[in-house]
Amino acid sequence: LKKSVLILVIFALWQVVCELEIFTPYILPSPITT
């Protein structure tokens, strides 16, 4: 769990960035899409 924390945080931030549409899906697809 300790080793997974940073990975989960990165994926969560990635999803938030995609939800806010800071970048277009063409450049940065969401982790769910990937």
PDB file of all heavy atoms in Angstrom:
ATOM      1  N   LEU A   1       0.826  -1.206   0.000  1.00  0.00           N
ATOM      2  CA  LEU A   1       0.000   0.000   0.000  1.00  0.00           C
ATOM      3  C   LEU A   1       0.863   1.260   0.000  1.00  0.00           C
ATOM      4  O   LEU A   1       0.565   2.237  -0.697  1.00  0.00           O
ATOM      5  CB  LEU A   1      -0.936  -0.001   1.211  1.00  0.00           C
ATOM      6  CG  LEU A   1      -2.070  -1.033   1.194  1.00  0.00           C
ATOM      7  CD1 LEU A   1      -2.811  -1.036   2.521  1.00  0.00           C
ATOM      8  CD2 LEU A   1      -3.038  -0.740   0.044  1.00  0.00           C
ATOM      9  N   LYS A   2       1.940   1.244   0.797  1.00  0.00           N
ATOM     10  CA  LYS A   2       2.838   2.398   0.847  1.00  0.00           C
ATOM     11  C   LYS A   2       3.474   2.658  -0.519  1.00  0.00           C
ATOM     12  O   LYS A   2       3.601   3.814  -0.946  1.00  0.00           O
ATOM     13  CB  LYS A   2       3.931   2.160   1.888  1.00  0.00           C
ATOM     14  CG  LYS A   2       3.445   2.248   3.334  1.00  0.00           C
ATOM     15  CD  LYS A   2       4.595   2.011   4.306  1.00  0.00           C
ATOM     16  CE  LYS A   2       4.132   2.110   5.759  1.00  0.00           C
ATOM     17  NZ  LYS A   2       5.235   1.857   6.707  1.00  0.00           N
ATOM     18  N   LYS A   3       3.868   1.577  -1.186  1.00  0.00           N
ATOM     19  CA  LYS A   3       4.502   1.725  -2.492  1.00  0.00           C
ATOM     20  C   LYS A   3       3.506   2.155  -3.566  1.00  0.00           C
ATOM     21  O   LYS A   3       3.898   2.696  -4.608  1.00  0.00           O
ATOM     22  CB  LYS A   3       5.170   0.405  -2.906  1.00  0.00           C
ATOM     23  CG  LYS A   3       6.392   0.052  -2.069  1.00  0.00           C
ATOM     24  CD  LYS A   3       7.023  -1.243  -2.528  1.00  0.00           C
ATOM     25  CE  LYS A   3       8.269  -1.579  -1.707  1.00  0.00           C
ATOM     26  NZ  LYS A   3       8.906  -2.838  -2.141  1.00  0.00           N
ATOM     27  N   SER A   4       2.215   1.899  -3.323  1.00  0.00           N
ATOM     28  CA  SER A   4       1.181   2.224  -4.307  1.00  0.00           C
ATOM     29  C   SER A   4       0.644   3.640  -4.160  1.00  0.00           C
ATOM     30  O   SER A   4      -0.037   4.132  -5.060  1.00  0.00           O
ATOM     31  CB  SER A   4       0.014   1.228  -4.179  1.00  0.00           C
ATOM     32  OG  SER A   4       0.458  -0.095  -4.334  1.00  0.00           O
ATOM     33  N   VAL A   5       0.934   4.292  -3.027  1.00  0.00           N
ATOM     34  CA  VAL A   5       0.355   5.611  -2.755  1.00  0.00           C
ATOM     35  C   VAL A   5       0.695   6.611  -3.850  1.00  0.00           C
ATOM     36  O   VAL A   5      -0.187   7.276  -4.410  1.00  0.00           O
ATOM     37  CB  VAL A   5       0.829   6.143  -1.378  1.00  0.00           C
ATOM     38  CG1 VAL A   5       0.472   7.620  -1.233  1.00  0.00           C
ATOM     39  CG2 VAL A   5       0.188   5.343  -0.260  1.00  0.00           C
ATOM     40  N   LEU A   6       1.977   6.737  -4.182  1.00  0.00           N
ATOM     41  CA  LEU A   6       2.404   7.730  -5.165  1.00  0.00           C
ATOM     42  C   LEU A   6       1.799   7.435  -6.537  1.00  0.00           C
ATOM     43  O   LEU A   6       1.388   8.359  -7.258  1.00  0.00           O
ATOM     44  CB  LEU A   6       3.927   7.767  -5.256  1.00  0.00           C
ATOM     45  CG  LEU A   6       4.519   8.835  -6.193  1.00  0.00           C
ATOM     46  CD1 LEU A   6       4.053  10.224  -5.787  1.00  0.00           C
ATOM     47  CD2 LEU A   6       6.042   8.749  -6.206  1.00  0.00           C
ATOM     48  N   ILE A   7       1.723   6.148  -6.886  1.00  0.00           N
ATOM     49  CA  ILE A   7       1.137   5.768  -8.177  1.00  0.00           C
ATOM     50  C   ILE A   7      -0.332   6.180  -8.230  1.00  0.00           C
ATOM     51  O   ILE A   7      -0.798   6.754  -9.232  1.00  0.00           O
ATOM     52  CB  ILE A   7       1.274   4.242  -8.405  1.00  0.00           C
ATOM     53  CG1 ILE A   7       2.749   3.861  -8.483  1.00  0.00           C
ATOM     54  CG2 ILE A   7       0.550   3.815  -9.674  1.00  0.00           C
ATOM     55  CD1 ILE A   7       3.004   2.375  -8.537  1.00  0.00           C
ATOM     56  N   LEU A   8      -1.070   5.920  -7.162  1.00  0.00           N
ATOM     57  CA  LEU A   8      -2.486   6.281  -7.112  1.00  0.00           C
ATOM     58  C   LEU A   8      -2.672   7.792  -7.163  1.00  0.00           C
ATOM     59  O   LEU A   8      -3.600   8.294  -7.819  1.00  0.00           O
ATOM     60  CB  LEU A   8      -3.127   5.705  -5.842  1.00  0.00           C
ATOM     61  CG  LEU A   8      -3.185   4.174  -5.761  1.00  0.00           C
ATOM     62  CD1 LEU A   8      -3.692   3.731  -4.395  1.00  0.00           C
ATOM     63  CD2 LEU A   8      -4.074   3.612  -6.868  1.00  0.00           C
ATOM     64  N   VAL A   9      -1.792   8.520  -6.490  1.00  0.00           N
ATOM     65  CA  VAL A   9      -1.860   9.992  -6.510  1.00  0.00           C
ATOM     66  C   VAL A   9      -1.642  10.517  -7.925  1.00  0.00           C
ATOM     67  O   VAL A   9      -2.359  11.411  -8.394  1.00  0.00           O
ATOM     68  CB  VAL A   9      -0.817  10.596  -5.545  1.00  0.00           C
ATOM     69  CG1 VAL A   9      -0.694  12.108  -5.759  1.00  0.00           C
ATOM     70  CG2 VAL A   9      -1.203  10.302  -4.103  1.00  0.00           C
ATOM     71  N   ILE A  10      -0.648   9.948  -8.613  1.00  0.00           N
ATOM     72  CA  ILE A  10      -0.360  10.378  -9.991  1.00  0.00           C
ATOM     73  C   ILE A  10      -1.557  10.116 -10.896  1.00  0.00           C
ATOM     74  O   ILE A  10      -1.964  10.987 -11.690  1.00  0.00           O
ATOM     75  CB  ILE A  10       0.901   9.661 -10.526  1.00  0.00           C
ATOM     76  CG1 ILE A  10       2.140  10.161  -9.783  1.00  0.00           C
ATOM     77  CG2 ILE A  10       1.048   9.885 -12.030  1.00  0.00           C
ATOM     78  CD1 ILE A  10       3.405   9.381 -10.104  1.00  0.00           C
ATOM     79  N   PHE A  11      -2.167   8.936 -10.771  1.00  0.00           N
ATOM     80  CA  PHE A  11      -3.333   8.613 -11.600  1.00  0.00           C
ATOM     81  C   PHE A  11      -4.511   9.521 -11.262  1.00  0.00           C
ATOM     82  O   PHE A  11      -5.263   9.933 -12.151  1.00  0.00           O
ATOM     83  CB  PHE A  11      -3.711   7.140 -11.434  1.00  0.00           C
ATOM     84  CG  PHE A  11      -3.015   6.228 -12.399  1.00  0.00           C
ATOM     85  CD1 PHE A  11      -1.756   5.726 -12.126  1.00  0.00           C
ATOM     86  CD2 PHE A  11      -3.614   5.875 -13.591  1.00  0.00           C
ATOM     87  CE1 PHE A  11      -1.099   4.889 -13.014  1.00  0.00           C
ATOM     88  CE2 PHE A  11      -2.977   5.047 -14.498  1.00  0.00           C
ATOM     89  CZ  PHE A  11      -1.716   4.548 -14.208  1.00  0.00           C
ATOM     90  N   ALA A  12      -4.681   9.830  -9.971  1.00  0.00           N
ATOM     91  CA  ALA A  12      -5.778  10.715  -9.557  1.00  0.00           C
ATOM     92  C   ALA A  12      -5.573  12.122 -10.133  1.00  0.00           C
ATOM     93  O   ALA A  12      -6.519  12.725 -10.669  1.00  0.00           O
ATOM     94  CB  ALA A  12      -5.860  10.766  -8.035  1.00  0.00           C
ATOM     95  N   LEU A  13      -4.343  12.642 -10.034  1.00  0.00           N
ATOM     96  CA  LEU A  13      -4.048  13.965 -10.593  1.00  0.00           C
ATOM     97  C   LEU A  13      -4.215  13.968 -12.108  1.00  0.00           C
ATOM     98  O   LEU A  13      -4.720  14.953 -12.690  1.00  0.00           O
ATOM     99  CB  LEU A  13      -2.624  14.385 -10.216  1.00  0.00           C
ATOM    100  CG  LEU A  13      -2.385  14.707  -8.735  1.00  0.00           C
ATOM    101  CD1 LEU A  13      -0.893  14.952  -8.485  1.00  0.00           C
ATOM    102  CD2 LEU A  13      -3.203  15.920  -8.311  1.00  0.00           C
ATOM    103  N   TRP A  14      -3.791  12.891 -12.728  1.00  0.00           N
ATOM    104  CA  TRP A  14      -3.951  12.749 -14.185  1.00  0.00           C
ATOM    105  C   TRP A  14      -5.432  12.821 -14.566  1.00  0.00           C
ATOM    106  O   TRP A  14      -5.803  13.541 -15.500  1.00  0.00           O
ATOM    107  CB  TRP A  14      -3.317  11.431 -14.605  1.00  0.00           C
ATOM    108  CG  TRP A  14      -3.376  11.110 -16.067  1.00  0.00           C
ATOM    109  CD1 TRP A  14      -3.824  11.908 -17.084  1.00  0.00           C
ATOM    110  CD2 TRP A  14      -2.956   9.892 -16.684  1.00  0.00           C
ATOM    111  NE1 TRP A  14      -3.722  11.264 -18.295  1.00  0.00           N
ATOM    112  CE2 TRP A  14      -3.190  10.027 -18.078  1.00  0.00           C
ATOM    113  CE3 TRP A  14      -2.404   8.700 -16.191  1.00  0.00           C
ATOM    114  CZ2 TRP A  14      -2.889   9.006 -18.978  1.00  0.00           C
ATOM    115  CZ3 TRP A  14      -2.108   7.696 -17.090  1.00  0.00           C
ATOM    116  CH2 TRP A  14      -2.346   7.847 -18.468  1.00  0.00           C
ATOM    117  N   GLN A  15      -6.276  12.104 -13.825  1.00  0.00           N
ATOM    118  CA  GLN A  15      -7.709  12.111 -14.115  1.00  0.00           C
ATOM    119  C   GLN A  15      -8.310  13.506 -13.880  1.00  0.00           C
ATOM    120  O   GLN A  15      -9.150  13.971 -14.671  1.00  0.00           O
ATOM    121  CB  GLN A  15      -8.423  11.076 -13.228  1.00  0.00           C
ATOM    122  CG  GLN A  15      -9.904  10.916 -13.499  1.00  0.00           C
ATOM    123  CD  GLN A  15     -10.194  10.384 -14.885  1.00  0.00           C
ATOM    124  OE1 GLN A  15      -9.462   9.531 -15.405  1.00  0.00           O
ATOM    125  NE2 GLN A  15     -11.258  10.885 -15.511  1.00  0.00           N
ATOM    126  N   VAL A  16      -7.871  14.168 -12.820  1.00  0.00           N
ATOM    127  CA  VAL A  16      -8.385  15.519 -12.525  1.00  0.00           C
ATOM    128  C   VAL A  16      -8.026  16.486 -13.646  1.00  0.00           C
ATOM    129  O   VAL A  16      -8.859  17.290 -14.093  1.00  0.00           O
ATOM    130  CB  VAL A  16      -7.826  16.026 -11.173  1.00  0.00           C
ATOM    131  CG1 VAL A  16      -8.121  17.515 -10.995  1.00  0.00           C
ATOM    132  CG2 VAL A  16      -8.416  15.227 -10.025  1.00  0.00           C
ATOM    133  N   VAL A  17      -6.773  16.424 -14.105  1.00  0.00           N
ATOM    134  CA  VAL A  17      -6.329  17.288 -15.204  1.00  0.00           C
ATOM    135  C   VAL A  17      -7.172  17.054 -16.457  1.00  0.00           C
ATOM    136  O   VAL A  17      -7.568  18.011 -17.148  1.00  0.00           O
ATOM    137  CB  VAL A  17      -4.832  17.043 -15.503  1.00  0.00           C
ATOM    138  CG1 VAL A  17      -4.417  17.726 -16.810  1.00  0.00           C
ATOM    139  CG2 VAL A  17      -3.971  17.553 -14.369  1.00  0.00           C
ATOM    140  N   CYS A  18      -7.479  15.794 -16.724  1.00  0.00           N
ATOM    141  CA  CYS A  18      -8.309  15.476 -17.898  1.00  0.00           C
ATOM    142  C   CYS A  18      -9.747  15.959 -17.716  1.00  0.00           C
ATOM    143  O   CYS A  18     -10.371  16.445 -18.666  1.00  0.00           O
ATOM    144  CB  CYS A  18      -8.282  13.968 -18.161  1.00  0.00           C
ATOM    145  SG  CYS A  18      -6.671  13.342 -18.703  1.00  0.00           S
ATOM    146  N   GLU A  19     -10.292  15.829 -16.496  1.00  0.00           N
ATOM    147  CA  GLU A  19     -11.653  16.287 -16.226  1.00  0.00           C
ATOM    148  C   GLU A  19     -11.764  17.804 -16.371  1.00  0.00           C
ATOM    149  O   GLU A  19     -12.783  18.341 -16.823  1.00  0.00           O
ATOM    150  CB  GLU A  19     -12.073  15.872 -14.804  1.00  0.00           C
ATOM    151  CG  GLU A  19     -12.265  14.381 -14.613  1.00  0.00           C
ATOM    152  CD  GLU A  19     -13.483  13.849 -15.344  1.00  0.00           C
ATOM    153  OE1 GLU A  19     -14.386  14.650 -15.655  1.00  0.00           O
ATOM    154  OE2 GLU A  19     -13.511  12.629 -15.628  1.00  0.00           O
ATOM    155  N   LEU A  20     -10.721  18.519 -15.982  1.00  0.00           N
ATOM    156  CA  LEU A  20     -10.706  19.985 -16.092  1.00  0.00           C
ATOM    157  C   LEU A  20     -10.418  20.446 -17.518  1.00  0.00           C
ATOM    158  O   LEU A  20     -10.475  21.654 -17.798  1.00  0.00           O
ATOM    159  CB  LEU A  20      -9.646  20.565 -15.140  1.00  0.00           C
ATOM    160  CG  LEU A  20      -9.906  20.368 -13.639  1.00  0.00           C
ATOM    161  CD1 LEU A  20      -8.724  20.876 -12.826  1.00  0.00           C
ATOM    162  CD2 LEU A  20     -11.191  21.087 -13.209  1.00  0.00           C
ATOM    163  N   GLU A  21     -10.083  19.499 -18.395  1.00  0.00           N
ATOM    164  CA  GLU A  21      -9.813  19.778 -19.806  1.00  0.00           C
ATOM    165  C   GLU A  21      -8.697  20.808 -19.991  1.00  0.00           C
ATOM    166  O   GLU A  21      -8.764  21.695 -20.846  1.00  0.00           O
ATOM    167  CB  GLU A  21     -11.088  20.241 -20.519  1.00  0.00           C
ATOM    168  CG  GLU A  21     -12.172  19.182 -20.528  1.00  0.00           C
ATOM    169  CD  GLU A  21     -13.404  19.626 -21.299  1.00  0.00           C
ATOM    170  OE1 GLU A  21     -13.475  20.803 -21.694  1.00  0.00           O
ATOM    171  OE2 GLU A  21     -14.291  18.786 -21.523  1.00  0.00           O
ATOM    172  N   ILE A  22      -7.670  20.671 -19.136  1.00  0.00           N
ATOM    173  CA  ILE A  22      -6.493  21.530 -19.276  1.00  0.00           C
ATOM    174  C   ILE A  22      -5.769  21.213 -20.588  1.00  0.00           C
ATOM    175  O   ILE A  22      -5.259  22.104 -21.267  1.00  0.00           O
ATOM    176  CB  ILE A  22      -5.554  21.346 -18.067  1.00  0.00           C
ATOM    177  CG1 ILE A  22      -6.272  21.797 -16.781  1.00  0.00           C
ATOM    178  CG2 ILE A  22      -4.256  22.117 -18.254  1.00  0.00           C
ATOM    179  CD1 ILE A  22      -5.496  21.547 -15.516  1.00  0.00           C
ATOM    180  N   PHE A  23      -5.739  19.920 -20.918  1.00  0.00           N
ATOM    181  CA  PHE A  23      -5.213  19.483 -22.205  1.00  0.00           C
ATOM    182  C   PHE A  23      -6.322  18.742 -22.945  1.00  0.00           C
ATOM    183  O   PHE A  23      -7.198  18.136 -22.329  1.00  0.00           O
ATOM    184  CB  PHE A  23      -4.018  18.545 -22.021  1.00  0.00           C
ATOM    185  CG  PHE A  23      -2.863  19.161 -21.276  1.00  0.00           C
ATOM    186  CD1 PHE A  23      -2.669  18.896 -19.933  1.00  0.00           C
ATOM    187  CD2 PHE A  23      -1.986  20.003 -21.923  1.00  0.00           C
ATOM    188  CE1 PHE A  23      -1.608  19.465 -19.235  1.00  0.00           C
ATOM    189  CE2 PHE A  23      -0.918  20.576 -21.240  1.00  0.00           C
ATOM    190  CZ  PHE A  23      -0.738  20.309 -19.891  1.00  0.00           C
ATOM    191  N   THR A  24      -6.279  18.771 -24.250  1.00  0.00           N
ATOM    192  CA  THR A  24      -7.286  18.057 -25.039  1.00  0.00           C
ATOM    193  C   THR A  24      -7.020  16.553 -24.982  1.00  0.00           C
ATOM    194  O   THR A  24      -5.863  16.136 -24.815  1.00  0.00           O
ATOM    195  CB  THR A  24      -7.244  18.508 -26.505  1.00  0.00           C
ATOM    196  OG1 THR A  24      -5.975  18.142 -27.076  1.00  0.00           O
ATOM    197  CG2 THR A  24      -7.447  20.015 -26.620  1.00  0.00           C
ATOM    198  N   PRO A  25      -8.046  15.712 -25.114  1.00  0.00           N
ATOM    199  CA  PRO A  25      -7.850  14.251 -25.124  1.00  0.00           C
ATOM    200  C   PRO A  25      -6.907  13.793 -26.228  1.00  0.00           C
ATOM    201  O   PRO A  25      -6.291  12.730 -26.130  1.00  0.00           O
ATOM    202  CB  PRO A  25      -9.264  13.725 -25.356  1.00  0.00           C
ATOM    203  CG  PRO A  25     -10.167  14.809 -24.874  1.00  0.00           C
ATOM    204  CD  PRO A  25      -9.456  16.089 -25.175  1.00  0.00           C
ATOM    205  N   TYR A  26      -6.792  14.617 -27.280  1.00  0.00           N
ATOM    206  CA  TYR A  26      -5.880  14.304 -28.378  1.00  0.00           C
ATOM    207  C   TYR A  26      -4.434  14.259 -27.889  1.00  0.00           C
ATOM    208  O   TYR A  26      -3.622  13.450 -28.337  1.00  0.00           O
ATOM    209  CB  TYR A  26      -6.054  15.368 -29.472  1.00  0.00           C
ATOM    210  CG  TYR A  26      -5.018  15.340 -30.567  1.00  0.00           C
ATOM    211  CD1 TYR A  26      -5.092  14.407 -31.599  1.00  0.00           C
ATOM    212  CD2 TYR A  26      -3.963  16.255 -30.576  1.00  0.00           C
ATOM    213  CE1 TYR A  26      -4.142  14.391 -32.614  1.00  0.00           C
ATOM    214  CE2 TYR A  26      -3.005  16.235 -31.582  1.00  0.00           C
ATOM    215  CZ  TYR A  26      -3.103  15.301 -32.597  1.00  0.00           C
ATOM    216  OH  TYR A  26      -2.156  15.275 -33.588  1.00  0.00           O
ATOM    217  N   ILE A  27      -4.105  15.152 -26.938  1.00  0.00           N
ATOM    218  CA  ILE A  27      -2.745  15.227 -26.390  1.00  0.00           C
ATOM    219  C   ILE A  27      -2.592  14.356 -25.152  1.00  0.00           C
ATOM    220  O   ILE A  27      -1.607  13.638 -25.000  1.00  0.00           O
ATOM    221  CB  ILE A  27      -2.381  16.689 -26.045  1.00  0.00           C
ATOM    222  CG1 ILE A  27      -2.376  17.537 -27.314  1.00  0.00           C
ATOM    223  CG2 ILE A  27      -1.035  16.771 -25.337  1.00  0.00           C
ATOM    224  CD1 ILE A  27      -2.143  19.007 -27.065  1.00  0.00           C
ATOM    225  N   LEU A  28      -3.577  14.440 -24.259  1.00  0.00           N
ATOM    226  CA  LEU A  28      -3.501  13.698 -22.996  1.00  0.00           C
ATOM    227  C   LEU A  28      -4.825  12.978 -22.730  1.00  0.00           C
ATOM    228  O   LEU A  28      -5.741  13.560 -22.141  1.00  0.00           O
ATOM    229  CB  LEU A  28      -3.176  14.638 -21.829  1.00  0.00           C
ATOM    230  CG  LEU A  28      -2.973  13.971 -20.465  1.00  0.00           C
ATOM    231  CD1 LEU A  28      -1.722  13.098 -20.472  1.00  0.00           C
ATOM    232  CD2 LEU A  28      -2.877  15.024 -19.361  1.00  0.00           C
ATOM    233  N   PRO A  29      -4.932  11.723 -23.151  1.00  0.00           N
ATOM    234  CA  PRO A  29      -6.144  10.957 -22.852  1.00  0.00           C
ATOM    235  C   PRO A  29      -6.212  10.638 -21.365  1.00  0.00           C
ATOM    236  O   PRO A  29      -5.186  10.587 -20.682  1.00  0.00           O
ATOM    237  CB  PRO A  29      -5.967   9.687 -23.678  1.00  0.00           C
ATOM    238  CG  PRO A  29      -4.488   9.534 -23.816  1.00  0.00           C
ATOM    239  CD  PRO A  29      -3.936  10.927 -23.878  1.00  0.00           C
ATOM    240  N   SER A  30      -7.410  10.446 -20.852  1.00  0.00           N
ATOM    241  CA  SER A  30      -7.578  10.145 -19.428  1.00  0.00           C
ATOM    242  C   SER A  30      -7.051   8.745 -19.128  1.00  0.00           C
ATOM    243  O   SER A  30      -6.967   7.896 -20.024  1.00  0.00           O
ATOM    244  CB  SER A  30      -9.054  10.229 -19.043  1.00  0.00           C
ATOM    245  OG  SER A  30      -9.780   9.170 -19.639  1.00  0.00           O
ATOM    246  N   PRO A  31      -6.712   8.487 -17.863  1.00  0.00           N
ATOM    247  CA  PRO A  31      -6.253   7.134 -17.511  1.00  0.00           C
ATOM    248  C   PRO A  31      -7.334   6.079 -17.761  1.00  0.00           C
ATOM    249  O   PRO A  31      -7.011   4.940 -18.115  1.00  0.00           O
ATOM    250  CB  PRO A  31      -5.917   7.247 -16.019  1.00  0.00           C
ATOM    251  CG  PRO A  31      -6.548   8.500 -15.543  1.00  0.00           C
ATOM    252  CD  PRO A  31      -6.628   9.412 -16.719  1.00  0.00           C
ATOM    253  N   ILE A  32      -8.595   6.464 -17.605  1.00  0.00           N
ATOM    254  CA  ILE A  32      -9.687   5.517 -17.860  1.00  0.00           C
ATOM    255  C   ILE A  32      -9.711   5.129 -19.332  1.00  0.00           C
ATOM    256  O   ILE A  32      -9.847   3.951 -19.686  1.00  0.00           O
ATOM    257  CB  ILE A  32     -11.041   6.118 -17.427  1.00  0.00           C
ATOM    258  CG1 ILE A  32     -11.068   6.313 -15.910  1.00  0.00           C
ATOM    259  CG2 ILE A  32     -12.190   5.215 -17.871  1.00  0.00           C
ATOM    260  CD1 ILE A  32     -12.300   7.024 -15.399  1.00  0.00           C
ATOM    261  N   THR A  33      -9.581   6.132 -20.210  1.00  0.00           N
ATOM    262  CA  THR A  33      -9.542   5.862 -21.653  1.00  0.00           C
ATOM    263  C   THR A  33      -8.344   4.994 -22.014  1.00  0.00           C
ATOM    264  O   THR A  33      -8.444   4.055 -22.809  1.00  0.00           O
ATOM    265  CB  THR A  33      -9.464   7.192 -22.435  1.00  0.00           C
ATOM    266  OG1 THR A  33     -10.601   7.990 -22.128  1.00  0.00           O
ATOM    267  CG2 THR A  33      -9.424   6.939 -23.936  1.00  0.00           C
ATOM    268  N   THR A  34      -7.200   5.302 -21.412  1.00  0.00           N
ATOM    269  CA  THR A  34      -5.975   4.533 -21.686  1.00  0.00           C
ATOM    270  C   THR A  34      -6.119   3.078 -21.247  1.00  0.00           C
ATOM    271  O   THR A  34      -5.756   2.153 -21.984  1.00  0.00           O
ATOM    272  CB  THR A  34      -4.771   5.169 -20.963  1.00  0.00           C
ATOM    273  OG1 THR A  34      -4.631   6.526 -21.390  1.00  0.00           O
ATOM    274  CG2 THR A  34      -3.496   4.407 -21.263  1.00  0.00           C
TER     275      THR A  34
END
